[in-house]
Amino acid sequence: MQNGRHPVLWLTLCWLLAVVLVTDVLWFVRGGAREVDDARVGVLVPAVAAGPVFTDPPVVLDPDDDSAEPPTEAGLTTALTSLLTDNRLGTSVAVSVRDAETGTALFSRNSDTPVTPASTAKTVTAAGVLLAYGPSYRLTTKVLRGSAPGEIVLVGGGDPTLAFDERNSYPGAARLDTLAGAVRTALKGEKVTKIVVDSSLFQGDETGLGWDSDIVSGGYAAPVNALTVNGGRTDAIPKHVTPRTSTPDLFAGQRFAELLGAGDADVVRGKAPGQAQQLAELKSPPLSHIVDAMLQESDNVIAESMLRLIAVKKGVPGTFANGSAELKTVLDEAGIDTSGYGMVDGSGLSRLNRVTPNLLTGLLAAAVGTKHPQLRTLLAGLPVASYSGTLADRFEGTSAIAGVGLVRAKTGTLSGVSSLAGMTVTTDGRILTFAAVANGVPAGGTEGAEAALDQIAATLAKCGCR
């Protein structure tokens, strides 16, 4: 044993970091979500699957090894207190630091106060959908016969990464061009004159309470819809901010008509008739890949679809309100403390969202632990400091360099709000989860607040703090 590091634990952690680096290199090379091969078409009822999937080695931690001493409250207080008064963070700062092995709170500053989390809320959504479905679950887009000759129904299954074709889409996405080929085969030359788009899996308002007025017009998200292609982006490029359609289902139906060679077909909204014959179906990549895409690039459209899918899994209509309520139910069932929970959407776009830093660190500690292995995807999806996703350009200053490669965290940004929640490993080999949320960031001060949050996380990485 050297410098307080237990050899087995340290080797395990090194292997985890190696896994992280490999998977994130794949992310960058492929431009986003981990790639899956081209789709396959089935025989009797054509079933278009996303194909063989790149399989990550399991993320292995050793939370039962207590030889690496955790920081003490006194040590953390000494290390962090001055950082929390940094004027770049504004006047309202809430912080929680937790020992991932035991779940014990090690440091608290307003940590049980409900705060606006911005996009760190996506870690809560990710945990909920992974607990509800499991990481290997695939979403299904279907095509059924309509009620009249020449009519087909395109039924959305809640897959926001659904693509038109292989160009400029989420890498590895299920593709409408392949689905169109399967439908043409099933129809045996029958002309398509009408396409009904059925997006009834999701219901209620398509934009969230507390969203800024420019969320859709500014390209930050599309209206929430169960039939959405390329995240509702009209230029099909999977970037965070880009023009979006205001009618995702009709937009998808019109493009599907073109792919079928039926560009003059009527495209209307409706519902599939009962007992309709299925012509083909399309399977999404596993939820693990979709959640990874959501966390890496802070994708709002994916997040809102995941929230509504939780409601659907629980047998209630897929609305904002039901999704938020059932998300809490799923976390409660998993034994995660939801005190102070007040989510109203899944992305963190709403200024009405409220969660506590303790909730964030608690669910991250649960992901590190052994009781809920389905949550490991949450850890694998978190961006790496100065390396990937929304942290690729962070942790660059000398005060934060100690966190490079050691901090994995979800970012959060709204005007006036900056947040960071994730995990790191101390110099003694102890795994910590942390959440820091600033709700009073000065106007125009986002970059400064981010640098201050990076310094807090880097301090945890370099500090034995005993």
Protein backbone atom coordinates (compact mmCIF):
# COMPACT_ATOMS: atom_id res chain seq x y z
CA MET A 1 0.00 0.00 0.00
CA GLN A 2 1.40 3.39 -1.03
CA ASN A 3 -0.01 6.84 -0.33
CA GLY A 4 -3.12 5.26 1.12
CA ARG A 5 -4.08 3.51 -2.14
CA HIS A 6 -5.33 -0.04 -1.96
CA PRO A 7 -3.82 -1.94 -4.96
CA VAL A 8 -7.02 -3.79 -5.94
CA LEU A 9 -9.19 -0.68 -5.75
CA TRP A 10 -6.64 1.40 -7.60
CA LEU A 11 -6.35 -1.15 -10.43
CA THR A 12 -10.12 -1.27 -10.64
CA LEU A 13 -10.35 2.49 -10.90
CA CYS A 14 -7.61 2.59 -13.55
CA TRP A 15 -9.56 0.03 -15.56
CA LEU A 16 -12.70 2.15 -15.23
CA LEU A 17 -10.83 5.16 -16.58
CA ALA A 18 -9.52 3.07 -19.47
CA VAL A 19 -13.08 2.00 -20.29
CA VAL A 20 -14.16 5.63 -20.13
CA LEU A 21 -11.41 6.75 -22.50
CA VAL A 22 -12.15 4.00 -25.02
CA THR A 23 -15.88 4.69 -25.08
CA ASP A 24 -15.39 8.43 -25.35
CA VAL A 25 -12.90 8.08 -28.19
CA LEU A 26 -15.59 6.10 -30.00
CA TRP A 27 -18.02 8.91 -29.24
CA PHE A 28 -15.80 11.52 -30.89
CA VAL A 29 -14.89 9.39 -33.88
CA ARG A 30 -18.54 8.64 -34.58
CA GLY A 31 -19.79 12.10 -33.75
CA GLY A 32 -22.10 11.32 -30.85
CA ALA A 33 -23.89 8.23 -29.60
CA ARG A 34 -22.02 4.94 -29.93
CA GLU A 35 -22.45 3.48 -33.36
CA VAL A 36 -24.43 0.40 -34.26
CA ASP A 37 -24.36 -1.36 -37.61
CA ASP A 38 -26.86 -1.02 -40.43
CA ALA A 39 -30.37 -2.30 -39.83
CA ARG A 40 -31.63 -5.79 -40.62
CA VAL A 41 -34.95 -6.64 -42.25
CA GLY A 42 -36.92 -9.60 -40.95
CA VAL A 43 -38.78 -12.20 -43.01
CA LEU A 44 -42.53 -12.57 -42.34
CA VAL A 45 -43.32 -9.31 -40.59
CA PRO A 46 -40.30 -7.21 -41.55
CA ALA A 47 -38.58 -6.08 -38.37
CA VAL A 48 -35.86 -3.53 -38.84
CA ALA A 49 -33.41 -3.69 -35.95
CA ALA A 50 -30.56 -1.38 -35.17
CA GLY A 51 -28.18 -4.29 -35.65
CA PRO A 52 -25.20 -5.55 -33.65
CA VAL A 53 -24.17 -3.10 -30.98
CA PHE A 54 -20.73 -2.07 -29.82
CA THR A 55 -20.62 -3.58 -26.34
CA ASP A 56 -18.71 -1.78 -23.61
CA PRO A 57 -16.95 -3.80 -20.93
CA PRO A 58 -18.93 -3.54 -17.71
CA VAL A 59 -18.08 -0.56 -15.53
CA VAL A 60 -16.62 -2.16 -12.41
CA LEU A 61 -16.08 -0.34 -9.18
CA ASP A 62 -15.26 -1.75 -5.78
CA PRO A 63 -17.46 0.20 -3.38
CA ASP A 64 -17.00 -2.41 -0.65
CA ASP A 65 -13.27 -1.75 -0.34
CA ASP A 66 -12.84 0.77 2.46
CA SER A 67 -9.03 0.83 2.66
CA ALA A 68 -8.87 4.21 0.94
CA GLU A 69 -9.88 6.71 3.59
CA PRO A 70 -12.63 9.19 2.71
CA PRO A 71 -12.14 12.91 3.22
CA THR A 72 -13.35 14.32 6.51
CA GLU A 73 -15.93 17.03 6.92
CA ALA A 74 -13.30 19.28 8.48
CA GLY A 75 -10.89 18.68 5.61
CA LEU A 76 -13.50 19.41 2.99
CA THR A 77 -14.67 22.49 4.84
CA THR A 78 -11.13 23.85 4.82
CA ALA A 79 -10.66 23.07 1.13
CA LEU A 80 -14.02 24.26 -0.20
CA THR A 81 -15.31 27.11 1.95
CA SER A 82 -13.36 29.90 0.27
CA LEU A 83 -14.28 28.56 -3.17
CA LEU A 84 -17.97 28.82 -2.39
CA THR A 85 -17.71 32.55 -1.76
CA ASP A 86 -16.28 33.18 -5.23
CA ASN A 87 -18.31 36.10 -6.56
CA ARG A 88 -18.46 34.44 -9.99
CA LEU A 89 -20.97 32.01 -8.47
CA GLY A 90 -23.24 34.77 -7.28
CA THR A 91 -25.17 34.83 -4.03
CA SER A 92 -26.91 31.43 -3.98
CA VAL A 93 -24.66 28.36 -3.92
CA ALA A 94 -25.68 24.86 -2.85
CA VAL A 95 -23.19 21.99 -2.63
CA SER A 96 -23.27 18.33 -1.63
CA VAL A 97 -20.31 15.94 -1.48
CA ARG A 98 -20.96 12.30 -0.72
CA ASP A 99 -18.83 9.21 -0.18
CA ALA A 100 -19.90 6.90 -3.01
CA GLU A 101 -19.06 3.73 -1.07
CA THR A 102 -21.24 4.37 1.95
CA GLY A 103 -23.55 7.08 0.64
CA THR A 104 -22.53 9.19 3.62
CA ALA A 105 -22.75 12.96 3.24
CA LEU A 106 -19.26 14.39 3.73
CA PHE A 107 -19.88 18.07 3.04
CA SER A 108 -23.03 20.11 2.89
CA ARG A 109 -23.74 23.72 2.02
CA ASN A 110 -27.46 24.27 1.53
CA SER A 111 -27.49 20.71 0.21
CA ASP A 112 -31.08 19.98 1.27
CA THR A 113 -32.39 23.20 -0.30
CA PRO A 114 -34.40 22.71 -3.51
CA VAL A 115 -32.66 24.62 -6.29
CA THR A 116 -33.06 25.08 -10.06
CA PRO A 117 -30.70 22.42 -11.46
CA ALA A 118 -30.66 23.35 -15.17
CA SER A 119 -29.40 20.39 -17.20
CA THR A 120 -27.98 18.46 -14.26
CA ALA A 121 -31.65 17.41 -14.05
CA LYS A 122 -30.85 15.05 -16.92
CA THR A 123 -29.01 12.79 -14.48
CA VAL A 124 -32.30 12.34 -12.63
CA THR A 125 -34.16 11.59 -15.87
CA ALA A 126 -31.43 9.16 -16.92
CA ALA A 127 -31.63 7.30 -13.64
CA GLY A 128 -35.41 7.07 -13.89
CA VAL A 129 -35.61 5.69 -17.43
CA LEU A 130 -32.77 3.22 -16.83
CA LEU A 131 -34.44 1.94 -13.67
CA ALA A 132 -37.82 1.72 -15.41
CA TYR A 133 -36.72 -0.09 -18.59
CA GLY A 134 -33.15 -1.29 -18.17
CA PRO A 135 -30.26 -0.28 -20.43
CA SER A 136 -30.87 -2.89 -23.14
CA TYR A 137 -34.46 -1.91 -23.93
CA ARG A 138 -35.18 -0.79 -27.51
CA LEU A 139 -37.97 1.51 -28.66
CA THR A 140 -40.16 0.46 -31.59
CA THR A 141 -41.44 2.51 -34.53
CA LYS A 142 -44.14 0.66 -36.49
CA VAL A 143 -45.89 0.85 -39.82
CA LEU A 144 -49.42 -0.62 -39.98
CA ARG A 145 -52.05 -0.92 -42.68
CA GLY A 146 -54.62 1.83 -42.57
CA SER A 147 -58.38 1.57 -42.73
CA ALA A 148 -58.58 2.15 -46.49
CA PRO A 149 -56.71 0.86 -49.56
CA GLY A 150 -53.46 2.76 -50.13
CA GLU A 151 -53.38 4.00 -46.53
CA ILE A 152 -50.63 3.20 -44.03
CA VAL A 153 -50.02 4.37 -40.46
CA LEU A 154 -46.63 5.41 -39.14
CA VAL A 155 -46.70 4.89 -35.36
CA GLY A 156 -44.18 6.70 -33.18
CA GLY A 157 -42.60 4.75 -30.33
CA GLY A 158 -40.88 7.62 -28.56
CA ASP A 159 -37.47 7.28 -30.23
CA PRO A 160 -36.11 10.85 -30.60
CA THR A 161 -32.95 9.63 -32.34
CA LEU A 162 -34.86 8.11 -35.26
CA ALA A 163 -33.11 9.18 -38.48
CA PHE A 164 -34.06 9.68 -42.13
CA ASP A 165 -30.92 8.00 -43.45
CA GLU A 166 -27.26 7.59 -42.59
CA ARG A 167 -26.33 11.20 -43.30
CA ASN A 168 -26.04 13.78 -40.53
CA SER A 169 -27.98 11.78 -37.96
CA TYR A 170 -27.32 10.39 -34.53
CA PRO A 171 -24.71 7.69 -35.25
CA GLY A 172 -26.20 4.23 -34.95
CA ALA A 173 -29.76 5.51 -35.11
CA ALA A 174 -32.65 3.46 -36.46
CA ARG A 175 -33.40 4.76 -39.95
CA LEU A 176 -36.61 5.56 -41.82
CA ASP A 177 -35.05 4.80 -45.19
CA THR A 178 -34.53 1.20 -44.10
CA LEU A 179 -38.05 1.06 -42.70
CA ALA A 180 -39.37 2.40 -46.00
CA GLY A 181 -37.59 -0.38 -47.85
CA ALA A 182 -39.21 -2.98 -45.61
CA VAL A 183 -42.65 -1.42 -46.16
CA ARG A 184 -42.22 -1.42 -49.93
CA THR A 185 -41.36 -5.11 -49.77
CA ALA A 186 -44.43 -5.85 -47.64
CA LEU A 187 -46.77 -3.88 -49.93
CA LYS A 188 -45.59 -5.73 -53.06
CA GLY A 189 -46.08 -2.79 -55.36
CA GLU A 190 -49.29 -1.42 -53.81
CA LYS A 191 -49.37 2.38 -54.17
CA VAL A 192 -49.37 4.47 -51.00
CA THR A 193 -51.78 7.40 -51.27
CA LYS A 194 -52.16 8.39 -47.63
CA ILE A 195 -49.91 8.28 -44.56
CA VAL A 196 -51.43 8.67 -41.12
CA VAL A 197 -48.94 9.68 -38.44
CA ASP A 198 -49.81 8.35 -34.99
CA SER A 199 -47.93 10.11 -32.21
CA SER A 200 -50.50 9.32 -29.52
CA LEU A 201 -47.97 7.56 -27.25
CA PHE A 202 -47.17 11.01 -25.84
CA GLN A 203 -49.97 13.34 -24.82
CA GLY A 204 -50.59 16.76 -23.33
CA ASP A 205 -48.63 19.97 -23.79
CA GLU A 206 -45.70 19.80 -26.20
CA THR A 207 -43.66 22.50 -24.47
CA GLY A 208 -42.94 22.72 -20.79
CA LEU A 209 -44.06 25.03 -18.03
CA GLY A 210 -41.28 27.42 -17.15
CA TRP A 211 -39.55 27.15 -20.53
CA ASP A 212 -38.13 30.37 -21.90
CA SER A 213 -40.07 31.67 -24.90
CA ASP A 214 -37.23 31.02 -27.35
CA ILE A 215 -36.65 27.33 -26.52
CA VAL A 216 -38.22 26.04 -29.75
CA SER A 217 -37.69 29.09 -31.96
CA GLY A 218 -34.08 29.30 -30.83
CA GLY A 219 -33.45 25.65 -31.65
CA TYR A 220 -32.80 24.40 -28.12
CA ALA A 221 -35.57 21.80 -28.34
CA ALA A 222 -38.49 20.67 -30.47
CA PRO A 223 -42.07 20.22 -29.31
CA VAL A 224 -42.24 16.90 -27.45
CA ASN A 225 -43.67 14.26 -29.74
CA ALA A 226 -43.58 10.45 -29.86
CA LEU A 227 -42.79 10.54 -33.60
CA THR A 228 -39.68 12.67 -33.93
CA VAL A 229 -36.86 12.33 -36.44
CA ASN A 230 -33.32 13.61 -35.76
CA GLY A 231 -34.54 15.32 -32.62
CA GLY A 232 -36.89 17.47 -34.71
CA ARG A 233 -34.00 19.17 -36.47
CA THR A 234 -34.95 20.44 -39.89
CA ASP A 235 -31.39 20.36 -41.21
CA ALA A 236 -30.79 16.84 -39.81
CA ILE A 237 -27.51 17.76 -38.15
CA PRO A 238 -27.37 16.46 -34.54
CA LYS A 239 -26.10 19.63 -32.92
CA HIS A 240 -27.48 21.01 -29.69
CA VAL A 241 -28.77 24.32 -31.09
CA THR A 242 -30.16 24.11 -34.62
CA PRO A 243 -33.49 24.91 -36.35
CA ARG A 244 -36.38 22.64 -35.31
CA THR A 245 -39.74 21.81 -36.79
CA SER A 246 -42.87 22.87 -34.91
CA THR A 247 -44.70 19.72 -36.10
CA PRO A 248 -42.31 16.78 -35.63
CA ASP A 249 -44.82 14.05 -36.51
CA LEU A 250 -46.02 15.62 -39.76
CA PHE A 251 -42.43 16.44 -40.68
CA ALA A 252 -41.48 12.79 -40.16
CA GLY A 253 -44.49 11.60 -42.16
CA GLN A 254 -43.67 13.84 -45.10
CA ARG A 255 -40.10 12.66 -45.24
CA PHE A 256 -41.24 9.04 -44.90
CA ALA A 257 -43.54 9.56 -47.89
CA GLU A 258 -40.57 10.73 -49.94
CA LEU A 259 -38.50 7.72 -48.87
CA LEU A 260 -41.37 5.45 -49.95
CA GLY A 261 -41.47 7.07 -53.36
CA ALA A 262 -44.91 8.43 -52.50
CA GLY A 263 -44.12 12.12 -52.23
CA ASP A 264 -47.61 13.10 -53.37
CA ALA A 265 -49.35 11.06 -50.64
CA ASP A 266 -51.52 12.91 -48.12
CA VAL A 267 -49.92 13.09 -44.67
CA VAL A 268 -52.35 13.59 -41.80
CA ARG A 269 -52.49 13.03 -38.06
CA GLY A 270 -54.58 10.18 -36.68
CA LYS A 271 -54.56 6.91 -34.77
CA ALA A 272 -53.93 3.40 -35.95
CA PRO A 273 -57.09 1.32 -36.39
CA GLY A 274 -57.62 -1.53 -33.99
CA GLN A 275 -56.18 -4.94 -34.99
CA ALA A 276 -54.40 -3.36 -37.95
CA GLN A 277 -51.93 -5.53 -39.84
CA GLN A 278 -48.31 -4.68 -39.12
CA LEU A 279 -46.20 -4.16 -42.22
CA ALA A 280 -42.84 -3.48 -40.58
CA GLU A 281 -41.19 -2.24 -37.43
CA LEU A 282 -37.96 -0.48 -36.56
CA LYS A 283 -35.98 -1.03 -33.36
CA SER A 284 -33.95 1.77 -31.81
CA PRO A 285 -30.46 1.35 -30.40
CA PRO A 286 -30.51 0.25 -26.75
CA LEU A 287 -31.58 2.85 -24.20
CA SER A 288 -28.01 2.82 -22.90
CA HIS A 289 -26.88 4.43 -26.17
CA ILE A 290 -29.73 6.92 -26.23
CA VAL A 291 -29.14 7.95 -22.62
CA ASP A 292 -25.43 8.26 -23.36
CA ALA A 293 -26.22 10.67 -26.21
CA MET A 294 -28.51 12.66 -23.93
CA LEU A 295 -25.88 13.07 -21.21
CA GLN A 296 -22.85 13.66 -23.40
CA GLU A 297 -24.32 16.52 -25.41
CA SER A 298 -27.11 17.57 -23.03
CA ASP A 299 -29.78 16.76 -25.60
CA ASN A 300 -33.08 18.27 -24.49
CA VAL A 301 -35.33 16.43 -26.95
CA ILE A 302 -34.00 13.04 -25.86
CA ALA A 303 -34.49 14.00 -22.22
CA GLU A 304 -38.13 14.95 -22.66
CA SER A 305 -38.87 11.74 -24.53
CA MET A 306 -37.22 9.72 -21.77
CA LEU A 307 -39.37 11.45 -19.14
CA ARG A 308 -42.60 10.60 -20.94
CA LEU A 309 -41.50 7.03 -21.52
CA ILE A 310 -41.29 6.59 -17.75
CA ALA A 311 -44.97 7.51 -17.50
CA VAL A 312 -45.82 5.11 -20.33
CA LYS A 313 -43.97 2.31 -18.53
CA LYS A 314 -46.05 2.98 -15.45
CA GLY A 315 -49.26 2.68 -17.45
CA VAL A 316 -50.33 6.32 -17.43
CA PRO A 317 -50.53 8.87 -20.28
CA GLY A 318 -47.17 10.21 -21.40
CA THR A 319 -47.45 13.83 -20.27
CA PHE A 320 -45.07 16.23 -18.56
CA ALA A 321 -46.93 15.95 -15.26
CA ASN A 322 -47.22 12.15 -15.31
CA GLY A 323 -43.61 11.74 -16.37
CA SER A 324 -42.41 13.92 -13.52
CA ALA A 325 -44.60 12.13 -10.97
CA GLU A 326 -43.63 8.65 -12.12
CA LEU A 327 -39.95 9.59 -12.23
CA LYS A 328 -40.16 10.28 -8.52
CA THR A 329 -42.00 6.97 -8.01
CA VAL A 330 -39.26 5.02 -9.79
CA LEU A 331 -36.54 6.69 -7.71
CA ASP A 332 -38.48 6.05 -4.50
CA GLU A 333 -38.89 2.39 -5.42
CA ALA A 334 -35.13 2.16 -5.86
CA GLY A 335 -34.55 3.55 -2.38
CA ILE A 336 -33.12 6.88 -3.60
CA ASP A 337 -33.99 9.76 -1.29
CA THR A 338 -36.19 12.18 -3.22
CA SER A 339 -36.63 14.76 -0.47
CA GLY A 340 -37.03 18.16 -2.09
CA TYR A 341 -37.97 16.67 -5.48
CA GLY A 342 -39.85 19.08 -7.71
CA MET A 343 -39.13 18.23 -11.34
CA VAL A 344 -41.58 19.51 -13.95
CA ASP A 345 -39.70 18.43 -17.08
CA GLY A 346 -36.96 15.97 -18.00
CA SER A 347 -34.37 18.24 -19.59
CA GLY A 348 -33.83 20.94 -16.99
CA LEU A 349 -35.04 23.66 -19.36
CA SER A 350 -37.79 24.71 -17.00
CA ARG A 351 -37.00 27.37 -14.45
CA LEU A 352 -39.67 25.77 -12.24
CA ASN A 353 -37.63 22.58 -11.72
CA ARG A 354 -36.44 21.99 -8.19
CA VAL A 355 -34.15 19.30 -6.83
CA THR A 356 -31.68 19.26 -3.96
CA PRO A 357 -27.94 18.69 -4.35
CA ASN A 358 -28.40 15.80 -1.92
CA LEU A 359 -30.76 14.11 -4.38
CA LEU A 360 -28.22 14.46 -7.18
CA THR A 361 -25.33 13.03 -5.18
CA GLY A 362 -27.54 10.30 -3.77
CA LEU A 363 -28.58 8.93 -7.16
CA LEU A 364 -24.99 9.17 -8.42
CA ALA A 365 -23.83 7.21 -5.38
CA ALA A 366 -26.50 4.62 -6.17
CA ALA A 367 -25.04 4.37 -9.68
CA VAL A 368 -21.60 3.68 -8.24
CA GLY A 369 -22.98 1.07 -5.83
CA THR A 370 -23.91 -2.54 -6.48
CA LYS A 371 -27.68 -2.58 -5.90
CA HIS A 372 -28.67 -1.01 -9.23
CA PRO A 373 -26.25 -2.14 -11.97
CA GLN A 374 -28.60 -0.77 -14.63
CA LEU A 375 -27.48 2.70 -13.54
CA ARG A 376 -23.87 2.12 -14.67
CA THR A 377 -24.85 3.56 -18.05
CA LEU A 378 -25.43 6.84 -16.24
CA LEU A 379 -21.79 6.90 -15.14
CA ALA A 380 -20.48 5.89 -18.57
CA GLY A 381 -22.49 8.67 -20.20
CA LEU A 382 -21.15 11.50 -18.07
CA PRO A 383 -18.72 13.75 -19.95
CA VAL A 384 -15.05 13.60 -18.96
CA ALA A 385 -13.28 16.78 -17.81
CA SER A 386 -11.36 18.46 -20.66
CA TYR A 387 -12.05 15.49 -22.92
CA SER A 388 -15.61 14.78 -24.04
CA GLY A 389 -19.14 16.08 -24.47
CA THR A 390 -20.08 19.30 -22.72
CA LEU A 391 -16.88 19.15 -20.65
CA ALA A 392 -14.57 18.96 -23.67
CA ASP A 393 -13.61 22.64 -23.35
CA ARG A 394 -13.72 22.85 -19.57
CA PHE A 395 -11.10 22.38 -16.80
CA GLU A 396 -8.49 24.25 -18.83
CA GLY A 397 -7.22 26.71 -16.23
CA THR A 398 -4.41 26.00 -13.78
CA SER A 399 -6.86 26.01 -10.87
CA ALA A 400 -8.86 23.17 -12.45
CA ILE A 401 -6.22 21.10 -14.19
CA ALA A 402 -6.18 18.52 -11.38
CA GLY A 403 -9.65 17.41 -12.49
CA VAL A 404 -8.66 16.60 -16.07
CA GLY A 405 -9.57 12.99 -16.84
CA LEU A 406 -10.62 12.35 -13.24
CA VAL A 407 -13.90 14.25 -13.10
CA ARG A 408 -16.97 12.90 -14.90
CA ALA A 409 -19.92 15.24 -14.61
CA LYS A 410 -23.12 16.61 -16.11
CA THR A 411 -23.19 20.32 -16.76
CA GLY A 412 -26.15 22.66 -16.40
CA THR A 413 -26.66 26.16 -17.77
CA LEU A 414 -29.50 28.63 -17.89
CA SER A 415 -29.15 32.38 -17.70
CA GLY A 416 -28.46 32.97 -14.02
CA VAL A 417 -27.92 29.25 -13.32
CA SER A 418 -24.75 27.16 -13.54
CA SER A 419 -24.40 23.66 -12.13
CA LEU A 420 -22.15 20.62 -12.17
CA ALA A 421 -22.91 17.16 -10.80
CA GLY A 422 -20.86 14.02 -11.11
CA MET A 423 -18.13 11.90 -9.60
CA THR A 424 -14.39 11.90 -9.12
CA VAL A 425 -11.64 9.89 -7.45
CA THR A 426 -9.51 11.45 -4.73
CA THR A 427 -5.74 11.17 -4.57
CA ASP A 428 -6.26 8.44 -1.98
CA GLY A 429 -8.46 6.42 -4.34
CA ARG A 430 -11.80 7.22 -2.73
CA ILE A 431 -14.80 7.72 -5.03
CA LEU A 432 -16.84 10.83 -4.33
CA THR A 433 -20.07 12.09 -5.85
CA PHE A 434 -20.70 15.82 -5.86
CA ALA A 435 -23.21 18.43 -6.94
CA ALA A 436 -22.68 22.18 -6.99
CA VAL A 437 -25.48 24.50 -8.10
CA ALA A 438 -25.29 28.28 -8.38
CA ASN A 439 -28.68 29.95 -8.82
CA GLY A 440 -27.58 33.57 -8.64
CA VAL A 441 -24.96 33.81 -11.37
CA PRO A 442 -24.43 37.44 -12.40
CA ALA A 443 -25.72 38.50 -15.83
CA GLY A 444 -23.22 37.53 -18.51
CA GLY A 445 -21.19 35.55 -16.01
CA THR A 446 -21.72 32.00 -17.22
CA GLU A 447 -18.10 31.34 -18.22
CA GLY A 448 -16.80 32.61 -14.91
CA ALA A 449 -19.29 30.50 -12.97
CA GLU A 450 -18.28 27.43 -14.96
CA ALA A 451 -14.62 28.03 -14.17
CA ALA A 452 -15.45 28.37 -10.48
CA LEU A 453 -17.43 25.10 -10.51
CA ASP A 454 -14.56 23.36 -12.32
CA GLN A 455 -12.22 24.49 -9.56
CA ILE A 456 -14.51 23.00 -6.92
CA ALA A 457 -14.56 19.63 -8.67
CA ALA A 458 -10.80 19.70 -9.29
CA THR A 459 -10.22 20.44 -5.63
CA LEU A 460 -12.11 17.28 -4.70
CA ALA A 461 -9.96 15.28 -7.11
CA LYS A 462 -6.62 16.53 -5.77
CA CYS A 463 -7.52 16.75 -2.10
CA GLY A 464 -7.15 14.00 0.47
CA CYS A 465 -8.94 16.48 2.73
CA ARG A 466 -8.46 14.67 5.99
